[in-house]
Protein backbone atom coordinates (compact mmCIF):
# COMPACT_ATOMS: atom_id res chain seq x y z
CA MET A 1 -0.39 20.57 -0.92
CA ILE A 2 -0.02 17.31 -2.02
CA GLU A 3 3.38 15.70 -4.12
CA THR A 4 2.28 14.56 -7.17
CA GLY A 5 5.77 14.42 -9.46
CA ALA A 6 8.82 12.73 -9.58
CA TYR A 7 7.07 9.15 -9.69
CA ASN A 8 8.03 5.67 -10.70
CA GLU A 9 7.06 2.07 -9.77
CA LEU A 10 10.34 1.36 -8.41
CA TRP A 11 10.00 4.12 -6.30
CA SER A 12 7.10 3.67 -4.62
CA ASP A 13 8.55 3.51 -1.14
CA ILE A 14 9.94 6.97 -1.59
CA HIS A 15 7.24 9.22 -4.07
CA MET A 16 3.43 8.68 -4.11
CA LEU A 17 1.56 8.10 -7.68
CA PRO A 18 -1.20 10.27 -9.11
CA GLU A 19 -3.90 8.26 -7.92
CA GLN A 20 -2.18 7.83 -4.32
CA SER A 21 -1.79 11.62 -4.16
CA LEU A 22 -5.66 11.99 -5.11
CA GLN A 23 -6.95 9.23 -2.42
CA ALA A 24 -4.60 11.04 0.39
CA HIS A 25 -5.95 14.18 -0.48
CA ILE A 26 -9.64 12.39 -0.03
CA ASP A 27 -8.71 10.78 2.80
CA VAL A 28 -7.29 14.13 4.69
CA LYS A 29 -11.01 15.63 3.55
CA ALA A 30 -9.04 18.91 2.11
CA LYS A 31 -11.17 21.64 0.20
CA ALA A 32 -8.96 21.79 -2.34
CA MET A 33 -5.58 20.27 -3.52
CA MET A 34 -2.68 22.04 -4.53
CA PRO A 35 -0.05 19.32 -6.41
CA VAL A 36 3.40 19.82 -5.86
CA HIS A 37 6.78 18.50 -6.25
CA ASN A 38 6.58 18.51 -9.80
CA GLY A 39 7.72 20.67 -12.78
CA THR A 40 10.93 21.44 -10.81
CA PHE A 41 13.33 18.82 -11.68
CA ASP A 42 13.88 16.54 -14.79
CA LEU A 43 14.93 13.55 -12.88
CA ALA A 44 11.64 10.98 -13.35
CA LEU A 45 10.99 8.72 -16.03
CA HIS A 46 8.03 9.92 -16.80
CA ASP A 47 7.14 13.29 -19.69
CA TRP A 48 7.48 16.20 -17.95
CA PHE A 49 3.88 17.29 -18.21
CA GLU A 50 2.81 13.79 -17.02
CA PRO A 51 1.81 14.50 -13.35
CA PHE A 52 -0.20 17.70 -14.16
CA GLU A 53 -2.04 15.80 -16.79
CA ARG A 54 -2.74 12.86 -14.77
CA ILE A 55 -3.92 14.65 -11.48
CA ASN A 56 -6.03 16.71 -13.41
CA LEU A 57 -7.87 14.20 -15.32
CA LEU A 58 -8.10 11.92 -11.83
CA ALA A 59 -9.55 15.41 -10.38
CA LYS A 60 -12.02 15.94 -12.76
CA GLN A 61 -12.92 12.36 -12.53
CA GLN A 62 -13.41 12.59 -8.48
CA ASN A 63 -14.72 15.97 -8.54
CA VAL A 64 -12.15 17.59 -6.66
CA THR A 65 -11.02 20.98 -6.69
CA LEU A 66 -7.21 21.35 -7.90
CA LEU A 67 -5.05 24.45 -7.59
CA THR A 68 -2.12 24.74 -10.23
CA PRO A 69 -1.32 28.37 -10.20
CA LYS A 70 1.87 29.57 -11.89
CA PHE A 71 5.34 29.57 -10.43
CA GLY A 72 5.35 32.58 -8.39
CA GLN A 73 1.39 33.13 -8.55
CA ALA A 74 -0.32 34.30 -5.41
CA VAL A 75 -3.38 31.86 -4.20
CA MET A 76 -6.05 33.15 -1.79
CA LEU A 77 -6.91 30.57 0.64
CA ALA A 78 -9.88 32.52 1.72
């Protein structure tokens, strides 16, 4: 689970941009990435779905498995 939402260039000391989130996933050599800290509060200046759209595109470009369950949906780790 890696945060991908509520970002802004001005908040770079606090929140990662989606590109940084994807790089963090690659750095830890995880098998799948689950974006978190997005779609919960409308505090950032980006559009509501932008974090999901950007991380989805980036994950496809890097051939990263992305898990985006619906809220409350169980995810089997096995």
